[in-house]
């Protein structure tokens, strides 16, 4: 349901560690290829306002991901 804004902080806040380990073959902060696709690193390039919807019913992606997006990418 929710999108991942910063995989590093999501990795530390979720109980489901199998998927990031499987998808990225390791811890996200050690992989260069994962760092290149963090939306967190491209906030200054956002041109269009974003509607950020959060909720606590997505049990794999903490709602704090949407909070980070709304706070970091303010214009």
PDB file of N, CA and C in Angstrom:
ATOM      1  N   UNK A   1       0.815  -1.188   0.000  1.00  0.00           N
ATOM      2  CA  UNK A   1       0.000   0.000   0.000  1.00  0.00           C
ATOM      3  C   UNK A   1       0.864   1.259   0.000  1.00  0.00           C
ATOM      4  N   UNK A   2       1.769   1.375   0.939  1.00  0.00           N
ATOM      5  CA  UNK A   2       2.577   2.582   1.071  1.00  0.00           C
ATOM      6  C   UNK A   2       3.856   2.452   0.260  1.00  0.00           C
ATOM      7  N   UNK A   3       4.387   3.580  -0.129  1.00  0.00           N
ATOM      8  CA  UNK A   3       5.670   3.596  -0.805  1.00  0.00           C
ATOM      9  C   UNK A   3       6.798   3.782   0.196  1.00  0.00           C
ATOM     10  N   UNK A   4       7.953   3.314  -0.174  1.00  0.00           N
ATOM     11  CA  UNK A   4       9.123   3.454   0.687  1.00  0.00           C
ATOM     12  C   UNK A   4       9.866   4.718   0.285  1.00  0.00           C
ATOM     13  N   UNK A   5      10.057   5.609   1.233  1.00  0.00           N
ATOM     14  CA  UNK A   5      10.752   6.866   0.991  1.00  0.00           C
ATOM     15  C   UNK A   5      12.246   6.725   1.290  1.00  0.00           C
ATOM     16  N   UNK A   6      12.575   6.108   2.390  1.00  0.00           N
ATOM     17  CA  UNK A   6      13.971   5.898   2.783  1.00  0.00           C
ATOM     18  C   UNK A   6      14.109   4.464   3.259  1.00  0.00           C
ATOM     19  N   UNK A   7      14.678   3.625   2.418  1.00  0.00           N
ATOM     20  CA  UNK A   7      14.780   2.195   2.732  1.00  0.00           C
ATOM     21  C   UNK A   7      15.615   1.951   3.985  1.00  0.00           C
ATOM     22  N   UNK A   8      16.574   2.826   4.246  1.00  0.00           N
ATOM     23  CA  UNK A   8      17.408   2.632   5.445  1.00  0.00           C
ATOM     24  C   UNK A   8      16.585   2.750   6.712  1.00  0.00           C
ATOM     25  N   UNK A   9      15.756   3.772   6.819  1.00  0.00           N
ATOM     26  CA  UNK A   9      14.963   3.936   8.035  1.00  0.00           C
ATOM     27  C   UNK A   9      13.834   2.914   8.092  1.00  0.00           C
ATOM     28  N   UNK A  10      13.287   2.535   6.925  1.00  0.00           N
ATOM     29  CA  UNK A  10      12.249   1.511   6.904  1.00  0.00           C
ATOM     30  C   UNK A  10      12.805   0.176   7.375  1.00  0.00           C
ATOM     31  N   UNK A  11      14.017  -0.132   6.969  1.00  0.00           N
ATOM     32  CA  UNK A  11      14.664  -1.388   7.344  1.00  0.00           C
ATOM     33  C   UNK A  11      14.810  -1.486   8.856  1.00  0.00           C
ATOM     34  N   UNK A  12      15.077  -0.372   9.504  1.00  0.00           N
ATOM     35  CA  UNK A  12      15.231  -0.379  10.953  1.00  0.00           C
ATOM     36  C   UNK A  12      13.926  -0.334  11.713  1.00  0.00           C
ATOM     37  N   UNK A  13      12.811  -0.071  11.031  1.00  0.00           N
ATOM     38  CA  UNK A  13      11.531   0.092  11.723  1.00  0.00           C
ATOM     39  C   UNK A  13      10.539  -1.030  11.453  1.00  0.00           C
ATOM     40  N   UNK A  14      10.837  -1.927  10.526  1.00  0.00           N
ATOM     41  CA  UNK A  14       9.906  -2.994  10.205  1.00  0.00           C
ATOM     42  C   UNK A  14      10.370  -4.313  10.808  1.00  0.00           C
ATOM     43  N   UNK A  15       9.423  -5.199  11.052  1.00  0.00           N
ATOM     44  CA  UNK A  15       9.791  -6.518  11.560  1.00  0.00           C
ATOM     45  C   UNK A  15      10.064  -7.485  10.408  1.00  0.00           C
ATOM     46  N   UNK A  16       9.727  -7.078   9.200  1.00  0.00           N
ATOM     47  CA  UNK A  16       9.873  -7.946   8.031  1.00  0.00           C
ATOM     48  C   UNK A  16      11.173  -7.622   7.302  1.00  0.00           C
ATOM     49  N   UNK A  17      12.245  -8.295   7.663  1.00  0.00           N
ATOM     50  CA  UNK A  17      13.548  -8.019   7.079  1.00  0.00           C
ATOM     51  C   UNK A  17      13.872  -8.938   5.902  1.00  0.00           C
ATOM     52  N   UNK A  18      13.085  -9.964   5.695  1.00  0.00           N
ATOM     53  CA  UNK A  18      13.378 -10.904   4.615  1.00  0.00           C
ATOM     54  C   UNK A  18      13.300 -10.236   3.251  1.00  0.00           C
ATOM     55  N   UNK A  19      12.263  -9.437   3.007  1.00  0.00           N
ATOM     56  CA  UNK A  19      12.079  -8.836   1.684  1.00  0.00           C
ATOM     57  C   UNK A  19      13.214  -7.901   1.279  1.00  0.00           C
ATOM     58  N   UNK A  20      13.630  -6.956   2.124  1.00  0.00           N
ATOM     59  CA  UNK A  20      14.765  -6.118   1.714  1.00  0.00           C
ATOM     60  C   UNK A  20      16.044  -6.926   1.490  1.00  0.00           C
ATOM     61  N   UNK A  21      16.275  -7.918   2.345  1.00  0.00           N
ATOM     62  CA  UNK A  21      17.475  -8.739   2.175  1.00  0.00           C
ATOM     63  C   UNK A  21      17.414  -9.521   0.863  1.00  0.00           C
ATOM     64  N   UNK A  22      16.257 -10.040   0.542  1.00  0.00           N
ATOM     65  CA  UNK A  22      16.099 -10.818  -0.691  1.00  0.00           C
ATOM     66  C   UNK A  22      16.147  -9.917  -1.929  1.00  0.00           C
ATOM     67  N   UNK A  23      15.372  -8.837  -1.904  1.00  0.00           N
ATOM     68  CA  UNK A  23      15.286  -7.958  -3.071  1.00  0.00           C
ATOM     69  C   UNK A  23      16.601  -7.259  -3.371  1.00  0.00           C
ATOM     70  N   UNK A  24      17.308  -6.812  -2.340  1.00  0.00           N
ATOM     71  CA  UNK A  24      18.512  -6.017  -2.533  1.00  0.00           C
ATOM     72  C   UNK A  24      19.791  -6.773  -2.211  1.00  0.00           C
ATOM     73  N   UNK A  25      19.650  -8.006  -1.784  1.00  0.00           N
ATOM     74  CA  UNK A  25      20.803  -8.875  -1.495  1.00  0.00           C
ATOM     75  C   UNK A  25      21.718  -8.310  -0.414  1.00  0.00           C
ATOM     76  N   UNK A  26      21.115  -7.703   0.587  1.00  0.00           N
ATOM     77  CA  UNK A  26      21.917  -7.205   1.701  1.00  0.00           C
ATOM     78  C   UNK A  26      21.266  -6.034   2.389  1.00  0.00           C
ATOM     79  N   UNK A  27      21.980  -5.458   3.304  1.00  0.00           N
ATOM     80  CA  UNK A  27      21.478  -4.307   4.041  1.00  0.00           C
ATOM     81  C   UNK A  27      21.539  -3.072   3.157  1.00  0.00           C
ATOM     82  N   UNK A  28      20.493  -2.247   3.168  1.00  0.00           N
ATOM     83  CA  UNK A  28      20.398  -1.142   2.211  1.00  0.00           C
ATOM     84  C   UNK A  28      21.495  -0.098   2.314  1.00  0.00           C
ATOM     85  N   UNK A  29      22.039   0.140   3.481  1.00  0.00           N
ATOM     86  CA  UNK A  29      23.050   1.189   3.604  1.00  0.00           C
ATOM     87  C   UNK A  29      24.414   0.738   3.089  1.00  0.00           C
ATOM     88  N   UNK A  30      24.556  -0.547   2.774  1.00  0.00           N
ATOM     89  CA  UNK A  30      25.825  -1.051   2.252  1.00  0.00           C
ATOM     90  C   UNK A  30      25.833  -1.172   0.732  1.00  0.00           C
ATOM     91  N   UNK A  31      24.699  -0.950   0.099  1.00  0.00           N
ATOM     92  CA  UNK A  31      24.579  -1.177  -1.335  1.00  0.00           C
ATOM     93  C   UNK A  31      24.534   0.140  -2.105  1.00  0.00           C
ATOM     94  N   UNK A  32      25.438   0.328  -3.004  1.00  0.00           N
ATOM     95  CA  UNK A  32      25.469   1.549  -3.806  1.00  0.00           C
ATOM     96  C   UNK A  32      24.259   1.645  -4.728  1.00  0.00           C
ATOM     97  N   UNK A  33      23.840   0.550  -5.326  1.00  0.00           N
ATOM     98  CA  UNK A  33      22.725   0.571  -6.276  1.00  0.00           C
ATOM     99  C   UNK A  33      21.419   0.999  -5.615  1.00  0.00           C
ATOM    100  N   UNK A  34      21.228   0.662  -4.368  1.00  0.00           N
ATOM    101  CA  UNK A  34      20.004   1.044  -3.657  1.00  0.00           C
ATOM    102  C   UNK A  34      20.034   2.527  -3.333  1.00  0.00           C
ATOM    103  N   UNK A  35      21.188   3.062  -2.964  1.00  0.00           N
ATOM    104  CA  UNK A  35      21.293   4.487  -2.640  1.00  0.00           C
ATOM    105  C   UNK A  35      20.941   5.365  -3.835  1.00  0.00           C
ATOM    106  N   UNK A  36      21.146   4.868  -5.027  1.00  0.00           N
ATOM    107  CA  UNK A  36      20.868   5.658  -6.221  1.00  0.00           C
ATOM    108  C   UNK A  36      19.379   5.820  -6.502  1.00  0.00           C
ATOM    109  N   UNK A  37      18.529   5.034  -5.866  1.00  0.00           N
ATOM    110  CA  UNK A  37      17.095   5.128  -6.132  1.00  0.00           C
ATOM    111  C   UNK A  37      16.288   5.596  -4.924  1.00  0.00           C
ATOM    112  N   UNK A  38      16.951   6.054  -3.869  1.00  0.00           N
ATOM    113  CA  UNK A  38      16.218   6.588  -2.725  1.00  0.00           C
ATOM    114  C   UNK A  38      15.511   7.877  -3.127  1.00  0.00           C
ATOM    115  N   UNK A  39      14.191   7.954  -3.020  1.00  0.00           N
ATOM    116  CA  UNK A  39      13.519   9.235  -3.271  1.00  0.00           C
ATOM    117  C   UNK A  39      14.038  10.335  -2.349  1.00  0.00           C
ATOM    118  N   UNK A  40      14.481   9.950  -1.175  1.00  0.00           N
ATOM    119  CA  UNK A  40      15.025  10.894  -0.208  1.00  0.00           C
ATOM    120  C   UNK A  40      16.127  11.759  -0.811  1.00  0.00           C
ATOM    121  N   UNK A  41      16.932  11.185  -1.683  1.00  0.00           N
ATOM    122  CA  UNK A  41      18.068  11.907  -2.244  1.00  0.00           C
ATOM    123  C   UNK A  41      17.701  12.846  -3.383  1.00  0.00           C
ATOM    124  N   UNK A  42      16.444  12.805  -3.833  1.00  0.00           N
ATOM    125  CA  UNK A  42      16.046  13.583  -4.998  1.00  0.00           C
ATOM    126  C   UNK A  42      14.961  14.606  -4.704  1.00  0.00           C
ATOM    127  N   UNK A  43      14.763  14.952  -3.441  1.00  0.00           N
ATOM    128  CA  UNK A  43      13.720  15.911  -3.064  1.00  0.00           C
ATOM    129  C   UNK A  43      13.878  17.251  -3.762  1.00  0.00           C
ATOM    130  N   UNK A  44      15.103  17.682  -3.928  1.00  0.00           N
ATOM    131  CA  UNK A  44      15.308  18.991  -4.558  1.00  0.00           C
ATOM    132  C   UNK A  44      14.889  19.002  -6.017  1.00  0.00           C
ATOM    133  N   UNK A  45      14.730  17.835  -6.623  1.00  0.00           N
ATOM    134  CA  UNK A  45      14.300  17.744  -8.025  1.00  0.00           C
ATOM    135  C   UNK A  45      12.780  17.660  -8.185  1.00  0.00           C
ATOM    136  N   UNK A  46      12.046  17.525  -7.097  1.00  0.00           N
ATOM    137  CA  UNK A  46      10.594  17.427  -7.187  1.00  0.00           C
ATOM    138  C   UNK A  46      10.044  18.760  -7.677  1.00  0.00           C
ATOM    139  N   UNK A  47       9.250  18.745  -8.721  1.00  0.00           N
ATOM    140  CA  UNK A  47       8.666  19.967  -9.284  1.00  0.00           C
ATOM    141  C   UNK A  47       7.169  20.071  -9.014  1.00  0.00           C
ATOM    142  N   UNK A  48       6.522  18.949  -8.873  1.00  0.00           N
ATOM    143  CA  UNK A  48       5.075  18.905  -8.710  1.00  0.00           C
ATOM    144  C   UNK A  48       4.735  18.627  -7.246  1.00  0.00           C
ATOM    145  N   UNK A  49       3.747  19.303  -6.695  1.00  0.00           N
ATOM    146  CA  UNK A  49       3.326  18.988  -5.323  1.00  0.00           C
ATOM    147  C   UNK A  49       2.874  17.531  -5.227  1.00  0.00           C
ATOM    148  N   UNK A  50       3.151  16.918  -4.098  1.00  0.00           N
ATOM    149  CA  UNK A  50       2.803  15.509  -3.883  1.00  0.00           C
ATOM    150  C   UNK A  50       1.724  15.414  -2.819  1.00  0.00           C
ATOM    151  N   UNK A  51       0.757  14.568  -3.059  1.00  0.00           N
ATOM    152  CA  UNK A  51      -0.235  14.233  -2.041  1.00  0.00           C
ATOM    153  C   UNK A  51       0.308  13.040  -1.275  1.00  0.00           C
ATOM    154  N   UNK A  52       0.536  13.216   0.002  1.00  0.00           N
ATOM    155  CA  UNK A  52       1.090  12.155   0.834  1.00  0.00           C
ATOM    156  C   UNK A  52      -0.018  11.646   1.740  1.00  0.00           C
ATOM    157  N   UNK A  53      -0.341  10.382   1.593  1.00  0.00           N
ATOM    158  CA  UNK A  53      -1.383   9.747   2.396  1.00  0.00           C
ATOM    159  C   UNK A  53      -0.710   8.735   3.304  1.00  0.00           C
ATOM    160  N   UNK A  54      -1.033   8.777   4.566  1.00  0.00           N
ATOM    161  CA  UNK A  54      -0.416   7.819   5.482  1.00  0.00           C
ATOM    162  C   UNK A  54      -1.485   7.113   6.292  1.00  0.00           C
ATOM    163  N   UNK A  55      -1.109   5.991   6.809  1.00  0.00           N
ATOM    164  CA  UNK A  55      -2.000   5.201   7.648  1.00  0.00           C
ATOM    165  C   UNK A  55      -1.206   4.129   8.355  1.00  0.00           C
ATOM    166  N   UNK A  56      -1.801   3.534   9.323  1.00  0.00           N
ATOM    167  CA  UNK A  56      -1.098   2.521  10.093  1.00  0.00           C
ATOM    168  C   UNK A  56      -1.541   1.107   9.751  1.00  0.00           C
ATOM    169  N   UNK A  57      -2.254   0.925   8.671  1.00  0.00           N
ATOM    170  CA  UNK A  57      -2.733  -0.409   8.302  1.00  0.00           C
ATOM    171  C   UNK A  57      -1.798  -1.151   7.355  1.00  0.00           C
ATOM    172  N   UNK A  58      -0.765  -0.515   6.916  1.00  0.00           N
ATOM    173  CA  UNK A  58       0.248  -1.216   6.130  1.00  0.00           C
ATOM    174  C   UNK A  58       1.284  -1.699   7.134  1.00  0.00           C
ATOM    175  N   UNK A  59       1.281  -2.977   7.396  1.00  0.00           N
ATOM    176  CA  UNK A  59       2.086  -3.510   8.482  1.00  0.00           C
ATOM    177  C   UNK A  59       3.545  -3.732   8.102  1.00  0.00           C
ATOM    178  N   UNK A  60       3.882  -3.648   6.840  1.00  0.00           N
ATOM    179  CA  UNK A  60       5.263  -3.859   6.400  1.00  0.00           C
ATOM    180  C   UNK A  60       6.017  -2.553   6.201  1.00  0.00           C
ATOM    181  N   UNK A  61       5.333  -1.489   5.784  1.00  0.00           N
ATOM    182  CA  UNK A  61       5.965  -0.184   5.583  1.00  0.00           C
ATOM    183  C   UNK A  61       5.407   0.760   6.642  1.00  0.00           C
ATOM    184  N   UNK A  62       6.214   1.158   7.608  1.00  0.00           N
ATOM    185  CA  UNK A  62       5.723   2.027   8.674  1.00  0.00           C
ATOM    186  C   UNK A  62       5.220   3.372   8.142  1.00  0.00           C
ATOM    187  N   UNK A  63       4.218   3.919   8.780  1.00  0.00           N
ATOM    188  CA  UNK A  63       3.643   5.198   8.341  1.00  0.00           C
ATOM    189  C   UNK A  63       4.655   6.330   8.425  1.00  0.00           C
ATOM    190  N   UNK A  64       5.716   6.126   9.151  1.00  0.00           N
ATOM    191  CA  UNK A  64       6.742   7.160   9.257  1.00  0.00           C
ATOM    192  C   UNK A  64       7.414   7.437   7.916  1.00  0.00           C
ATOM    193  N   UNK A  65       7.312   6.516   6.966  1.00  0.00           N
ATOM    194  CA  UNK A  65       7.865   6.763   5.637  1.00  0.00           C
ATOM    195  C   UNK A  65       7.150   7.941   4.974  1.00  0.00           C
ATOM    196  N   UNK A  66       5.831   7.997   5.094  1.00  0.00           N
ATOM    197  CA  UNK A  66       5.097   9.116   4.495  1.00  0.00           C
ATOM    198  C   UNK A  66       5.345  10.411   5.270  1.00  0.00           C
ATOM    199  N   UNK A  67       5.546  10.313   6.576  1.00  0.00           N
ATOM    200  CA  UNK A  67       5.871  11.508   7.355  1.00  0.00           C
ATOM    201  C   UNK A  67       7.215  12.083   6.927  1.00  0.00           C
ATOM    202  N   UNK A  68       8.172  11.216   6.683  1.00  0.00           N
ATOM    203  CA  UNK A  68       9.480  11.684   6.233  1.00  0.00           C
ATOM    204  C   UNK A  68       9.372  12.389   4.890  1.00  0.00           C
ATOM    205  N   UNK A  69       8.586  11.837   3.995  1.00  0.00           N
ATOM    206  CA  UNK A  69       8.411  12.438   2.688  1.00  0.00           C
ATOM    207  C   UNK A  69       7.777  13.816   2.798  1.00  0.00           C
ATOM    208  N   UNK A  70       6.728  13.916   3.587  1.00  0.00           N
ATOM    209  CA  UNK A  70       6.029  15.198   3.685  1.00  0.00           C
ATOM    210  C   UNK A  70       6.889  16.264   4.362  1.00  0.00           C
ATOM    211  N   UNK A  71       7.783  15.866   5.242  1.00  0.00           N
ATOM    212  CA  UNK A  71       8.632  16.850   5.929  1.00  0.00           C
ATOM    213  C   UNK A  71       9.888  17.187   5.158  1.00  0.00           C
ATOM    214  N   UNK A  72      10.472  16.214   4.501  1.00  0.00           N
ATOM    215  CA  UNK A  72      11.738  16.459   3.805  1.00  0.00           C
ATOM    216  C   UNK A  72      11.550  17.166   2.458  1.00  0.00           C
ATOM    217  N   UNK A  73      10.409  16.942   1.817  1.00  0.00           N
ATOM    218  CA  UNK A  73      10.231  17.453   0.461  1.00  0.00           C
ATOM    219  C   UNK A  73       9.306  18.654   0.417  1.00  0.00           C
ATOM    220  N   UNK A  74       9.177  19.377   1.520  1.00  0.00           N
ATOM    221  CA  UNK A  74       8.356  20.587   1.529  1.00  0.00           C
ATOM    222  C   UNK A  74       8.965  21.645   0.651  1.00  0.00           C
ATOM    223  N   UNK A  75       8.116  22.425   0.034  1.00  0.00           N
ATOM    224  CA  UNK A  75       8.590  23.550  -0.778  1.00  0.00           C
ATOM    225  C   UNK A  75       8.033  24.821  -0.213  1.00  0.00           C
TER     226      UNK A  75
END
